[in-house]
Structures are given as structure tokens and as C-alpha cells.
Amino acid sequence: MKHVKAQQEMKTIMVGGRGCVSTQVFGEFFHTVVVRKKIMSPAEAVSAIDRLERGFRVSSIAPALVRDAIAIHQRYQLRYWDSLIIATAKRMQCTEVLSEDMNDGQDYGGVIVRNPFKP
């Protein structure tokens, strides 16, 4: 059922035109659905990424963003990859990050995490 809930969240964000994403998240998505869970073929995953790319503002990972992520990692003791997501959100002036892996409601310097699967 998480799959359906995630799709609903993405549609809402895309329609609202307020979503932002890092290319890192596209890579994590591909790895999850093709390699770990085996619920999509590579072609299906690429098609989904193409749709997401059209519906979101996309940030590539640059050295300055890596430095920002390291600072966030050190300050909040987050995993580096989660810190990179927070750094990307800050850089893109997004105030909310959807994640089931980080602490729901946690404020990371103006970026608040929300778990879309939490009841």
C-alpha cells in the first residue's frame, strides 16, 4: 500500500508545482525499485524518472552541495545521503522533505521532515 500512497503524494506535489528533487533521489529510486525490490524493469524505472523530472525542479549534485551536506551531517548526525537530501532542499528553497527514514517533524534549519506514511 505504500506504493499507492507514494504515487498519490507525488501527484499532489506535481500538480501543485512545488516539488524539488536531487538527482541522487532518482538514483536511489532506481536502485530500490529495480535492484532491491524488483518491482520495475529498468525501462519502467527510467520512464517513471522521466515523468518525475518533468514534474519537479531538479538539482544536480555539485561540490558546494556536497560541502553543505557534510556540514549538515556533522551538525545533526544524519547519514550522509540524508544530509545531501536536506542540503538540496535548502539550496532549492524547499521547506519540507518527505521521508520515512528520517525523524518525522524534525526541523533541520528550516527544512522540516514529514513521513507521508505516518498515520
PDB file of N, CA and C in Angstrom:
ATOM      1  N   MET A   1       0.806  -1.203   0.000  1.00  0.00           N
ATOM      2  CA  MET A   1       0.000   0.000   0.000  1.00  0.00           C
ATOM      3  C   MET A   1       0.852   1.272   0.000  1.00  0.00           C
ATOM      4  N   LYS A   2       2.101   1.166   0.455  1.00  0.00           N
ATOM      5  CA  LYS A   2       2.982   2.335   0.435  1.00  0.00           C
ATOM      6  C   LYS A   2       3.153   2.851  -0.986  1.00  0.00           C
ATOM      7  N   HIS A   3       3.210   1.914  -1.915  1.00  0.00           N
ATOM      8  CA  HIS A   3       3.379   2.256  -3.325  1.00  0.00           C
ATOM      9  C   HIS A   3       2.267   3.202  -3.791  1.00  0.00           C
ATOM     10  N   VAL A   4       1.036   2.890  -3.442  1.00  0.00           N
ATOM     11  CA  VAL A   4      -0.120   3.709  -3.832  1.00  0.00           C
ATOM     12  C   VAL A   4      -0.074   5.066  -3.138  1.00  0.00           C
ATOM     13  N   LYS A   5       0.215   5.071  -1.847  1.00  0.00           N
ATOM     14  CA  LYS A   5       0.308   6.322  -1.079  1.00  0.00           C
ATOM     15  C   LYS A   5       1.402   7.218  -1.652  1.00  0.00           C
ATOM     16  N   ALA A   6       2.538   6.626  -1.994  1.00  0.00           N
ATOM     17  CA  ALA A   6       3.648   7.401  -2.563  1.00  0.00           C
ATOM     18  C   ALA A   6       3.240   8.028  -3.892  1.00  0.00           C
ATOM     19  N   GLN A   7       2.541   7.276  -4.724  1.00  0.00           N
ATOM     20  CA  GLN A   7       2.078   7.817  -6.004  1.00  0.00           C
ATOM     21  C   GLN A   7       1.113   8.980  -5.790  1.00  0.00           C
ATOM     22  N   GLN A   8       0.217   8.859  -4.824  1.00  0.00           N
ATOM     23  CA  GLN A   8      -0.727   9.939  -4.526  1.00  0.00           C
ATOM     24  C   GLN A   8       0.009  11.193  -4.078  1.00  0.00           C
ATOM     25  N   GLU A   9       0.996  11.033  -3.203  1.00  0.00           N
ATOM     26  CA  GLU A   9       1.792  12.174  -2.725  1.00  0.00           C
ATOM     27  C   GLU A   9       2.496  12.856  -3.895  1.00  0.00           C
ATOM     28  N   MET A  10       3.103  12.066  -4.774  1.00  0.00           N
ATOM     29  CA  MET A  10       3.836  12.627  -5.909  1.00  0.00           C
ATOM     30  C   MET A  10       2.903  13.397  -6.840  1.00  0.00           C
ATOM     31  N   LYS A  11       1.726  12.853  -7.102  1.00  0.00           N
ATOM     32  CA  LYS A  11       0.767  13.549  -7.968  1.00  0.00           C
ATOM     33  C   LYS A  11       0.353  14.883  -7.359  1.00  0.00           C
ATOM     34  N   THR A  12       0.088  14.891  -6.063  1.00  0.00           N
ATOM     35  CA  THR A  12      -0.303  16.128  -5.377  1.00  0.00           C
ATOM     36  C   THR A  12       0.798  17.173  -5.479  1.00  0.00           C
ATOM     37  N   ILE A  13       2.026  16.754  -5.258  1.00  0.00           N
ATOM     38  CA  ILE A  13       3.154  17.681  -5.315  1.00  0.00           C
ATOM     39  C   ILE A  13       3.358  18.192  -6.739  1.00  0.00           C
ATOM     40  N   MET A  14       3.256  17.308  -7.712  1.00  0.00           N
ATOM     41  CA  MET A  14       3.458  17.704  -9.105  1.00  0.00           C
ATOM     42  C   MET A  14       2.384  18.685  -9.561  1.00  0.00           C
ATOM     43  N   VAL A  15       1.136  18.425  -9.200  1.00  0.00           N
ATOM     44  CA  VAL A  15       0.040  19.322  -9.577  1.00  0.00           C
ATOM     45  C   VAL A  15       0.238  20.695  -8.944  1.00  0.00           C
ATOM     46  N   GLY A  16       0.722  20.703  -7.709  1.00  0.00           N
ATOM     47  CA  GLY A  16       0.958  21.964  -7.009  1.00  0.00           C
ATOM     48  C   GLY A  16       2.176  22.717  -7.511  1.00  0.00           C
ATOM     49  N   GLY A  17       3.025  22.051  -8.293  1.00  0.00           N
ATOM     50  CA  GLY A  17       4.204  22.691  -8.851  1.00  0.00           C
ATOM     51  C   GLY A  17       5.236  23.111  -7.818  1.00  0.00           C
ATOM     52  N   ARG A  18       5.232  22.459  -6.666  1.00  0.00           N
ATOM     53  CA  ARG A  18       6.130  22.898  -5.600  1.00  0.00           C
ATOM     54  C   ARG A  18       7.213  21.888  -5.267  1.00  0.00           C
ATOM     55  N   GLY A  19       7.344  20.849  -6.039  1.00  0.00           N
ATOM     56  CA  GLY A  19       8.299  19.805  -5.710  1.00  0.00           C
ATOM     57  C   GLY A  19       9.700  20.070  -6.219  1.00  0.00           C
ATOM     58  N   CYS A  20      10.666  19.633  -5.440  1.00  0.00           N
ATOM     59  CA  CYS A  20      12.057  19.689  -5.867  1.00  0.00           C
ATOM     60  C   CYS A  20      12.714  18.369  -5.489  1.00  0.00           C
ATOM     61  N   VAL A  21      13.704  17.982  -6.264  1.00  0.00           N
ATOM     62  CA  VAL A  21      14.339  16.688  -6.051  1.00  0.00           C
ATOM     63  C   VAL A  21      15.788  16.755  -6.519  1.00  0.00           C
ATOM     64  N   SER A  22      16.608  15.942  -5.890  1.00  0.00           N
ATOM     65  CA  SER A  22      18.009  15.814  -6.287  1.00  0.00           C
ATOM     66  C   SER A  22      18.155  14.628  -7.229  1.00  0.00           C
ATOM     67  N   THR A  23      19.116  14.718  -8.134  1.00  0.00           N
ATOM     68  CA  THR A  23      19.389  13.570  -8.998  1.00  0.00           C
ATOM     69  C   THR A  23      19.761  12.345  -8.167  1.00  0.00           C
ATOM     70  N   GLN A  24      20.283  12.561  -6.977  1.00  0.00           N
ATOM     71  CA  GLN A  24      20.587  11.460  -6.053  1.00  0.00           C
ATOM     72  C   GLN A  24      19.331  10.632  -5.775  1.00  0.00           C
ATOM     73  N   VAL A  25      18.201  11.299  -5.600  1.00  0.00           N
ATOM     74  CA  VAL A  25      16.951  10.604  -5.285  1.00  0.00           C
ATOM     75  C   VAL A  25      16.517   9.742  -6.470  1.00  0.00           C
ATOM     76  N   PHE A  26      16.754  10.223  -7.686  1.00  0.00           N
ATOM     77  CA  PHE A  26      16.448   9.398  -8.859  1.00  0.00           C
ATOM     78  C   PHE A  26      17.265   8.107  -8.821  1.00  0.00           C
ATOM     79  N   GLY A  27      18.531   8.221  -8.458  1.00  0.00           N
ATOM     80  CA  GLY A  27      19.383   7.035  -8.358  1.00  0.00           C
ATOM     81  C   GLY A  27      18.914   6.081  -7.279  1.00  0.00           C
ATOM     82  N   GLU A  28      18.540   6.630  -6.131  1.00  0.00           N
ATOM     83  CA  GLU A  28      18.036   5.790  -5.037  1.00  0.00           C
ATOM     84  C   GLU A  28      16.736   5.103  -5.441  1.00  0.00           C
ATOM     85  N   PHE A  29      15.866   5.837  -6.131  1.00  0.00           N
ATOM     86  CA  PHE A  29      14.602   5.270  -6.609  1.00  0.00           C
ATOM     87  C   PHE A  29      14.881   4.085  -7.534  1.00  0.00           C
ATOM     88  N   PHE A  30      15.754   4.301  -8.518  1.00  0.00           N
ATOM     89  CA  PHE A  30      16.084   3.232  -9.458  1.00  0.00           C
ATOM     90  C   PHE A  30      16.601   1.999  -8.717  1.00  0.00           C
ATOM     91  N   HIS A  31      17.535   2.206  -7.820  1.00  0.00           N
ATOM     92  CA  HIS A  31      18.119   1.088  -7.078  1.00  0.00           C
ATOM     93  C   HIS A  31      17.047   0.336  -6.272  1.00  0.00           C
ATOM     94  N   THR A  32      16.148   1.080  -5.645  1.00  0.00           N
ATOM     95  CA  THR A  32      15.111   0.454  -4.820  1.00  0.00           C
ATOM     96  C   THR A  32      14.142  -0.374  -5.652  1.00  0.00           C
ATOM     97  N   VAL A  33      13.609   0.215  -6.726  1.00  0.00           N
ATOM     98  CA  VAL A  33      12.548  -0.479  -7.468  1.00  0.00           C
ATOM     99  C   VAL A  33      13.062  -1.539  -8.433  1.00  0.00           C
ATOM    100  N   VAL A  34      14.301  -1.394  -8.904  1.00  0.00           N
ATOM    101  CA  VAL A  34      14.839  -2.359  -9.869  1.00  0.00           C
ATOM    102  C   VAL A  34      15.719  -3.408  -9.197  1.00  0.00           C
ATOM    103  N   VAL A  35      16.611  -2.967  -8.326  1.00  0.00           N
ATOM    104  CA  VAL A  35      17.592  -3.891  -7.746  1.00  0.00           C
ATOM    105  C   VAL A  35      17.083  -4.538  -6.460  1.00  0.00           C
ATOM    106  N   ARG A  36      16.674  -3.721  -5.487  1.00  0.00           N
ATOM    107  CA  ARG A  36      16.296  -4.275  -4.180  1.00  0.00           C
ATOM    108  C   ARG A  36      14.948  -4.977  -4.199  1.00  0.00           C
ATOM    109  N   LYS A  37      13.919  -4.268  -4.656  1.00  0.00           N
ATOM    110  CA  LYS A  37      12.560  -4.827  -4.570  1.00  0.00           C
ATOM    111  C   LYS A  37      12.114  -5.546  -5.835  1.00  0.00           C
ATOM    112  N   LYS A  38      12.790  -5.274  -6.928  1.00  0.00           N
ATOM    113  CA  LYS A  38      12.483  -5.913  -8.216  1.00  0.00           C
ATOM    114  C   LYS A  38      11.003  -5.766  -8.595  1.00  0.00           C
ATOM    115  N   ILE A  39      10.482  -4.541  -8.449  1.00  0.00           N
ATOM    116  CA  ILE A  39       9.077  -4.312  -8.794  1.00  0.00           C
ATOM    117  C   ILE A  39       8.919  -3.562 -10.114  1.00  0.00           C
ATOM    118  N   MET A  40      10.038  -3.144 -10.711  1.00  0.00           N
ATOM    119  CA  MET A  40      10.011  -2.494 -12.018  1.00  0.00           C
ATOM    120  C   MET A  40      11.189  -2.995 -12.843  1.00  0.00           C
ATOM    121  N   SER A  41      10.984  -2.975 -14.144  1.00  0.00           N
ATOM    122  CA  SER A  41      12.111  -3.236 -15.041  1.00  0.00           C
ATOM    123  C   SER A  41      12.925  -1.945 -15.142  1.00  0.00           C
ATOM    124  N   PRO A  42      14.157  -2.022 -15.610  1.00  0.00           N
ATOM    125  CA  PRO A  42      14.923  -0.787 -15.799  1.00  0.00           C
ATOM    126  C   PRO A  42      14.196   0.221 -16.700  1.00  0.00           C
ATOM    127  N   ALA A  43      13.564  -0.262 -17.760  1.00  0.00           N
ATOM    128  CA  ALA A  43      12.848   0.642 -18.670  1.00  0.00           C
ATOM    129  C   ALA A  43      11.676   1.326 -17.968  1.00  0.00           C
ATOM    130  N   GLU A  44      10.945   0.583 -17.137  1.00  0.00           N
ATOM    131  CA  GLU A  44       9.834   1.182 -16.387  1.00  0.00           C
ATOM    132  C   GLU A  44      10.338   2.232 -15.406  1.00  0.00           C
ATOM    133  N   ALA A  45      11.457   1.945 -14.758  1.00  0.00           N
ATOM    134  CA  ALA A  45      12.027   2.898 -13.803  1.00  0.00           C
ATOM    135  C   ALA A  45      12.478   4.169 -14.515  1.00  0.00           C
ATOM    136  N   VAL A  46      13.112   4.022 -15.672  1.00  0.00           N
ATOM    137  CA  VAL A  46      13.544   5.199 -16.436  1.00  0.00           C
ATOM    138  C   VAL A  46      12.335   6.023 -16.858  1.00  0.00           C
ATOM    139  N   SER A  47      11.267   5.370 -17.264  1.00  0.00           N
ATOM    140  CA  SER A  47      10.039   6.076 -17.633  1.00  0.00           C
ATOM    141  C   SER A  47       9.474   6.849 -16.442  1.00  0.00           C
ATOM    142  N   ALA A  48       9.479   6.233 -15.267  1.00  0.00           N
ATOM    143  CA  ALA A  48       8.996   6.909 -14.056  1.00  0.00           C
ATOM    144  C   ALA A  48       9.884   8.100 -13.721  1.00  0.00           C
ATOM    145  N   ILE A  49      11.196   7.934 -13.843  1.00  0.00           N
ATOM    146  CA  ILE A  49      12.123   9.036 -13.579  1.00  0.00           C
ATOM    147  C   ILE A  49      11.883  10.174 -14.566  1.00  0.00           C
ATOM    148  N   ASP A  50      11.635   9.850 -15.825  1.00  0.00           N
ATOM    149  CA  ASP A  50      11.335  10.885 -16.826  1.00  0.00           C
ATOM    150  C   ASP A  50      10.099  11.690 -16.428  1.00  0.00           C
ATOM    151  N   ARG A  51       9.058  11.007 -15.946  1.00  0.00           N
ATOM    152  CA  ARG A  51       7.838  11.706 -15.514  1.00  0.00           C
ATOM    153  C   ARG A  51       8.132  12.602 -14.312  1.00  0.00           C
ATOM    154  N   LEU A  52       8.901  12.091 -13.363  1.00  0.00           N
ATOM    155  CA  LEU A  52       9.257  12.889 -12.189  1.00  0.00           C
ATOM    156  C   LEU A  52      10.082  14.107 -12.591  1.00  0.00           C
ATOM    157  N   GLU A  53      10.990  13.915 -13.519  1.00  0.00           N
ATOM    158  CA  GLU A  53      11.839  15.024 -13.969  1.00  0.00           C
ATOM    159  C   GLU A  53      10.998  16.145 -14.581  1.00  0.00           C
ATOM    160  N   ARG A  54       9.956  15.775 -15.284  1.00  0.00           N
ATOM    161  CA  ARG A  54       9.077  16.794 -15.885  1.00  0.00           C
ATOM    162  C   ARG A  54       8.218  17.504 -14.841  1.00  0.00           C
ATOM    163  N   GLY A  55       7.957  16.847 -13.707  1.00  0.00           N
ATOM    164  CA  GLY A  55       7.059  17.408 -12.712  1.00  0.00           C
ATOM    165  C   GLY A  55       7.723  18.103 -11.537  1.00  0.00           C
ATOM    166  N   PHE A  56       9.043  18.002 -11.440  1.00  0.00           N
ATOM    167  CA  PHE A  56       9.768  18.570 -10.308  1.00  0.00           C
ATOM    168  C   PHE A  56      10.898  19.473 -10.779  1.00  0.00           C
ATOM    169  N   ARG A  57      11.284  20.410  -9.924  1.00  0.00           N
ATOM    170  CA  ARG A  57      12.539  21.130 -10.143  1.00  0.00           C
ATOM    171  C   ARG A  57      13.638  20.165  -9.726  1.00  0.00           C
ATOM    172  N   VAL A  58      14.670  20.038 -10.537  1.00  0.00           N
ATOM    173  CA  VAL A  58      15.711  19.044 -10.300  1.00  0.00           C
ATOM    174  C   VAL A  58      17.051  19.726 -10.045  1.00  0.00           C
ATOM    175  N   SER A  59      17.755  19.247  -9.026  1.00  0.00           N
ATOM    176  CA  SER A  59      19.088  19.747  -8.697  1.00  0.00           C
ATOM    177  C   SER A  59      20.109  18.640  -8.893  1.00  0.00           C
ATOM    178  N   SER A  60      21.177  18.980  -9.575  1.00  0.00           N
ATOM    179  CA  SER A  60      22.301  18.050  -9.691  1.00  0.00           C
ATOM    180  C   SER A  60      23.222  18.232  -8.494  1.00  0.00           C
ATOM    181  N   ILE A  61      24.022  17.241  -8.243  1.00  0.00           N
ATOM    182  CA  ILE A  61      24.948  17.297  -7.110  1.00  0.00           C
ATOM    183  C   ILE A  61      26.236  17.979  -7.565  1.00  0.00           C
ATOM    184  N   ALA A  62      26.569  19.072  -6.905  1.00  0.00           N
ATOM    185  CA  ALA A  62      27.783  19.830  -7.195  1.00  0.00           C
ATOM    186  C   ALA A  62      28.660  19.843  -5.941  1.00  0.00           C
ATOM    187  N   PRO A  63      29.941  20.151  -6.085  1.00  0.00           N
ATOM    188  CA  PRO A  63      30.836  20.160  -4.918  1.00  0.00           C
ATOM    189  C   PRO A  63      30.335  21.024  -3.756  1.00  0.00           C
ATOM    190  N   ALA A  64      29.771  22.187  -4.036  1.00  0.00           N
ATOM    191  CA  ALA A  64      29.266  23.044  -2.950  1.00  0.00           C
ATOM    192  C   ALA A  64      28.142  22.351  -2.185  1.00  0.00           C
ATOM    193  N   LEU A  65      27.317  21.609  -2.895  1.00  0.00           N
ATOM    194  CA  LEU A  65      26.219  20.885  -2.252  1.00  0.00           C
ATOM    195  C   LEU A  65      26.765  19.759  -1.365  1.00  0.00           C
ATOM    196  N   VAL A  66      27.813  19.115  -1.812  1.00  0.00           N
ATOM    197  CA  VAL A  66      28.459  18.072  -1.006  1.00  0.00           C
ATOM    198  C   VAL A  66      29.006  18.677   0.284  1.00  0.00           C
ATOM    199  N   ARG A  67      29.644  19.845   0.183  1.00  0.00           N
ATOM    200  CA  ARG A  67      30.159  20.504   1.391  1.00  0.00           C
ATOM    201  C   ARG A  67      29.021  20.854   2.343  1.00  0.00           C
ATOM    202  N   ASP A  68      27.910  21.363   1.798  1.00  0.00           N
ATOM    203  CA  ASP A  68      26.742  21.670   2.639  1.00  0.00           C
ATOM    204  C   ASP A  68      26.229  20.407   3.332  1.00  0.00           C
ATOM    205  N   ALA A  69      26.184  19.306   2.595  1.00  0.00           N
ATOM    206  CA  ALA A  69      25.704  18.037   3.159  1.00  0.00           C
ATOM    207  C   ALA A  69      26.622  17.554   4.277  1.00  0.00           C
ATOM    208  N   ILE A  70      27.909  17.725   4.101  1.00  0.00           N
ATOM    209  CA  ILE A  70      28.853  17.314   5.146  1.00  0.00           C
ATOM    210  C   ILE A  70      28.630  18.135   6.409  1.00  0.00           C
ATOM    211  N   ALA A  71      28.397  19.435   6.244  1.00  0.00           N
ATOM    212  CA  ALA A  71      28.130  20.291   7.412  1.00  0.00           C
ATOM    213  C   ALA A  71      26.849  19.856   8.124  1.00  0.00           C
ATOM    214  N   ILE A  72      25.812  19.532   7.358  1.00  0.00           N
ATOM    215  CA  ILE A  72      24.549  19.059   7.949  1.00  0.00           C
ATOM    216  C   ILE A  72      24.771  17.719   8.649  1.00  0.00           C
ATOM    217  N   HIS A  73      25.512  16.844   8.016  1.00  0.00           N
ATOM    218  CA  HIS A  73      25.847  15.539   8.611  1.00  0.00           C
ATOM    219  C   HIS A  73      26.537  15.727   9.965  1.00  0.00           C
ATOM    220  N   GLN A  74      27.492  16.630  10.016  1.00  0.00           N
ATOM    221  CA  GLN A  74      28.227  16.856  11.262  1.00  0.00           C
ATOM    222  C   GLN A  74      27.348  17.507  12.323  1.00  0.00           C
ATOM    223  N   ARG A  75      26.512  18.442  11.919  1.00  0.00           N
ATOM    224  CA  ARG A  75      25.682  19.153  12.892  1.00  0.00           C
ATOM    225  C   ARG A  75      24.583  18.273  13.478  1.00  0.00           C
ATOM    226  N   TYR A  76      23.911  17.507  12.618  1.00  0.00           N
ATOM    227  CA  TYR A  76      22.730  16.757  13.057  1.00  0.00           C
ATOM    228  C   TYR A  76      22.968  15.251  13.206  1.00  0.00           C
ATOM    229  N   GLN A  77      24.157  14.786  12.878  1.00  0.00           N
ATOM    230  CA  GLN A  77      24.479  13.357  12.960  1.00  0.00           C
ATOM    231  C   GLN A  77      23.572  12.504  12.072  1.00  0.00           C
ATOM    232  N   LEU A  78      23.166  13.055  10.942  1.00  0.00           N
ATOM    233  CA  LEU A  78      22.387  12.299   9.958  1.00  0.00           C
ATOM    234  C   LEU A  78      23.328  11.460   9.107  1.00  0.00           C
ATOM    235  N   ARG A  79      22.771  10.449   8.464  1.00  0.00           N
ATOM    236  CA  ARG A  79      23.555   9.730   7.462  1.00  0.00           C
ATOM    237  C   ARG A  79      23.877  10.721   6.345  1.00  0.00           C
ATOM    238  N   TYR A  80      25.023  10.534   5.714  1.00  0.00           N
ATOM    239  CA  TYR A  80      25.450  11.479   4.676  1.00  0.00           C
ATOM    240  C   TYR A  80      24.388  11.641   3.587  1.00  0.00           C
ATOM    241  N   TRP A  81      23.821  10.543   3.109  1.00  0.00           N
ATOM    242  CA  TRP A  81      22.874  10.625   1.991  1.00  0.00           C
ATOM    243  C   TRP A  81      21.605  11.381   2.387  1.00  0.00           C
ATOM    244  N   ASP A  82      21.164  11.243   3.626  1.00  0.00           N
ATOM    245  CA  ASP A  82      20.024  12.029   4.105  1.00  0.00           C
ATOM    246  C   ASP A  82      20.412  13.502   4.216  1.00  0.00           C
ATOM    247  N   SER A  83      21.641  13.754   4.645  1.00  0.00           N
ATOM    248  CA  SER A  83      22.135  15.128   4.731  1.00  0.00           C
ATOM    249  C   SER A  83      22.164  15.786   3.356  1.00  0.00           C
ATOM    250  N   LEU A  84      22.495  15.011   2.346  1.00  0.00           N
ATOM    251  CA  LEU A  84      22.522  15.541   0.981  1.00  0.00           C
ATOM    252  C   LEU A  84      21.113  15.914   0.512  1.00  0.00           C
ATOM    253  N   ILE A  85      20.132  15.141   0.912  1.00  0.00           N
ATOM    254  CA  ILE A  85      18.740  15.472   0.575  1.00  0.00           C
ATOM    255  C   ILE A  85      18.332  16.773   1.260  1.00  0.00           C
ATOM    256  N   ILE A  86      18.675  16.930   2.525  1.00  0.00           N
ATOM    257  CA  ILE A  86      18.356  18.166   3.257  1.00  0.00           C
ATOM    258  C   ILE A  86      19.087  19.348   2.629  1.00  0.00           C
ATOM    259  N   ALA A  87      20.359  19.173   2.302  1.00  0.00           N
ATOM    260  CA  ALA A  87      21.140  20.251   1.678  1.00  0.00           C
ATOM    261  C   ALA A  87      20.529  20.669   0.345  1.00  0.00           C
ATOM    262  N   THR A  88      20.074  19.701  -0.425  1.00  0.00           N
ATOM    263  CA  THR A  88      19.430  20.004  -1.706  1.00  0.00           C
ATOM    264  C   THR A  88      18.147  20.796  -1.486  1.00  0.00           C
ATOM    265  N   ALA A  89      17.345  20.375  -0.525  1.00  0.00           N
ATOM    266  CA  ALA A  89      16.098  21.092  -0.229  1.00  0.00           C
ATOM    267  C   ALA A  89      16.397  22.537   0.163  1.00  0.00           C
ATOM    268  N   LYS A  90      17.390  22.730   1.026  1.00  0.00           N
ATOM    269  CA  LYS A  90      17.757  24.096   1.437  1.00  0.00           C
ATOM    270  C   LYS A  90      18.183  24.919   0.234  1.00  0.00           C
ATOM    271  N   ARG A  91      19.046  24.349  -0.584  1.00  0.00           N
ATOM    272  CA  ARG A  91      19.564  25.054  -1.754  1.00  0.00           C
ATOM    273  C   ARG A  91      18.431  25.445  -2.702  1.00  0.00           C
ATOM    274  N   MET A  92      17.412  24.601  -2.806  1.00  0.00           N
ATOM    275  CA  MET A  92      16.295  24.853  -3.716  1.00  0.00           C
ATOM    276  C   MET A  92      15.140  25.587  -3.037  1.00  0.00           C
ATOM    277  N   GLN A  93      15.347  25.995  -1.793  1.00  0.00           N
ATOM    278  CA  GLN A  93      14.354  26.727  -1.007  1.00  0.00           C
ATOM    279  C   GLN A  93      13.054  25.941  -0.818  1.00  0.00           C
ATOM    280  N   CYS A  94      13.192  24.638  -0.655  1.00  0.00           N
ATOM    281  CA  CYS A  94      12.059  23.780  -0.296  1.00  0.00           C
ATOM    282  C   CYS A  94      12.044  23.675   1.225  1.00  0.00           C
ATOM    283  N   THR A  95      10.894  23.809   1.815  1.00  0.00           N
ATOM    284  CA  THR A  95      10.803  23.823   3.276  1.00  0.00           C
ATOM    285  C   THR A  95      10.374  22.486   3.870  1.00  0.00           C
ATOM    286  N   GLU A  96      10.057  21.523   3.013  1.00  0.00           N
ATOM    287  CA  GLU A  96       9.587  20.228   3.503  1.00  0.00           C
ATOM    288  C   GLU A  96      10.224  19.104   2.702  1.00  0.00           C
ATOM    289  N   VAL A  97      10.618  18.055   3.405  1.00  0.00           N
ATOM    290  CA  VAL A  97      11.160  16.853   2.781  1.00  0.00           C
ATOM    291  C   VAL A  97      10.283  15.681   3.200  1.00  0.00           C
ATOM    292  N   LEU A  98       9.876  14.877   2.233  1.00  0.00           N
ATOM    293  CA  LEU A  98       9.119  13.667   2.534  1.00  0.00           C
ATOM    294  C   LEU A  98      10.097  12.516   2.688  1.00  0.00           C
ATOM    295  N   SER A  99      10.047  11.845   3.828  1.00  0.00           N
ATOM    296  CA  SER A  99      10.947  10.718   4.073  1.00  0.00           C
ATOM    297  C   SER A  99      10.379   9.829   5.171  1.00  0.00           C
ATOM    298  N   GLU A 100      10.453   8.535   4.942  1.00  0.00           N
ATOM    299  CA  GLU A 100      10.079   7.609   6.009  1.00  0.00           C
ATOM    300  C   GLU A 100      11.304   7.199   6.809  1.00  0.00           C
ATOM    301  N   ASP A 101      12.485   7.595   6.360  1.00  0.00           N
ATOM    302  CA  ASP A 101      13.725   7.185   7.013  1.00  0.00           C
ATOM    303  C   ASP A 101      14.249   8.195   8.026  1.00  0.00           C
ATOM    304  N   MET A 102      13.856   9.453   7.902  1.00  0.00           N
ATOM    305  CA  MET A 102      14.306  10.481   8.843  1.00  0.00           C
ATOM    306  C   MET A 102      13.202  10.730   9.868  1.00  0.00           C
ATOM    307  N   ASN A 103      13.528  11.476  10.917  1.00  0.00           N
ATOM    308  CA  ASN A 103      12.577  11.726  12.005  1.00  0.00           C
ATOM    309  C   ASN A 103      11.446  12.651  11.570  1.00  0.00           C
ATOM    310  N   ASP A 104      10.222  12.141  11.629  1.00  0.00           N
ATOM    311  CA  ASP A 104       9.039  12.917  11.273  1.00  0.00           C
ATOM    312  C   ASP A 104       8.940  14.157  12.164  1.00  0.00           C
ATOM    313  N   GLY A 105       8.768  15.324  11.537  1.00  0.00           N
ATOM    314  CA  GLY A 105       8.610  16.569  12.276  1.00  0.00           C
ATOM    315  C   GLY A 105       9.910  17.268  12.619  1.00  0.00           C
ATOM    316  N   GLN A 106      11.038  16.617  12.400  1.00  0.00           N
ATOM    317  CA  GLN A 106      12.338  17.216  12.719  1.00  0.00           C
ATOM    318  C   GLN A 106      12.602  18.410  11.803  1.00  0.00           C
ATOM    319  N   ASP A 107      13.071  19.493  12.395  1.00  0.00           N
ATOM    320  CA  ASP A 107      13.420  20.707  11.656  1.00  0.00           C
ATOM    321  C   ASP A 107      14.935  20.768  11.527  1.00  0.00           C
ATOM    322  N   TYR A 108      15.412  20.736  10.312  1.00  0.00           N
ATOM    323  CA  TYR A 108      16.841  20.830  10.034  1.00  0.00           C
ATOM    324  C   TYR A 108      17.136  22.205   9.440  1.00  0.00           C
ATOM    325  N   GLY A 109      17.138  23.206  10.297  1.00  0.00           N
ATOM    326  CA  GLY A 109      17.471  24.557   9.861  1.00  0.00           C
ATOM    327  C   GLY A 109      16.523  25.127   8.824  1.00  0.00           C
ATOM    328  N   GLY A 110      15.238  24.907   9.016  1.00  0.00           N
ATOM    329  CA  GLY A 110      14.242  25.447   8.093  1.00  0.00           C
ATOM    330  C   GLY A 110      13.680  24.434   7.113  1.00  0.00           C
ATOM    331  N   VAL A 111      14.205  23.237   7.115  1.00  0.00           N
ATOM    332  CA  VAL A 111      13.671  22.146   6.298  1.00  0.00           C
ATOM    333  C   VAL A 111      13.076  21.121   7.258  1.00  0.00           C
ATOM    334  N   ILE A 112      11.776  20.919   7.150  1.00  0.00           N
ATOM    335  CA  ILE A 112      11.071  20.013   8.065  1.00  0.00           C
ATOM    336  C   ILE A 112      10.791  18.696   7.353  1.00  0.00           C
ATOM    337  N   VAL A 113      11.052  17.607   8.053  1.00  0.00           N
ATOM    338  CA  VAL A 113      10.816  16.269   7.509  1.00  0.00           C
ATOM    339  C   VAL A 113       9.397  15.836   7.847  1.00  0.00           C
ATOM    340  N   ARG A 114       8.729  15.273   6.854  1.00  0.00           N
ATOM    341  CA  ARG A 114       7.395  14.722   7.072  1.00  0.00           C
ATOM    342  C   ARG A 114       7.362  13.309   6.518  1.00  0.00           C
ATOM    343  N   ASN A 115       6.912  12.379   7.351  1.00  0.00           N
ATOM    344  CA  ASN A 115       6.755  10.994   6.921  1.00  0.00           C
ATOM    345  C   ASN A 115       5.360  10.848   6.319  1.00  0.00           C
ATOM    346  N   PRO A 116       5.269  10.674   5.000  1.00  0.00           N
ATOM    347  CA  PRO A 116       3.951  10.598   4.363  1.00  0.00           C
ATOM    348  C   PRO A 116       3.177   9.334   4.713  1.00  0.00           C
ATOM    349  N   PHE A 117       3.847   8.354   5.317  1.00  0.00           N
ATOM    350  CA  PHE A 117       3.190   7.097   5.659  1.00  0.00           C
ATOM    351  C   PHE A 117       2.755   7.038   7.110  1.00  0.00           C
ATOM    352  N   LYS A 118       3.106   8.053   7.883  1.00  0.00           N
ATOM    353  CA  LYS A 118       2.729   8.073   9.296  1.00  0.00           C
ATOM    354  C   LYS A 118       1.245   8.414   9.407  1.00  0.00           C
ATOM    355  N   PRO A 119       0.507   7.609  10.188  1.00  0.00           N
ATOM    356  CA  PRO A 119      -0.941   7.868  10.315  1.00  0.00           C
ATOM    357  C   PRO A 119      -1.241   9.158  11.058  1.00  0.00           C
TER     358      PRO A 119
END
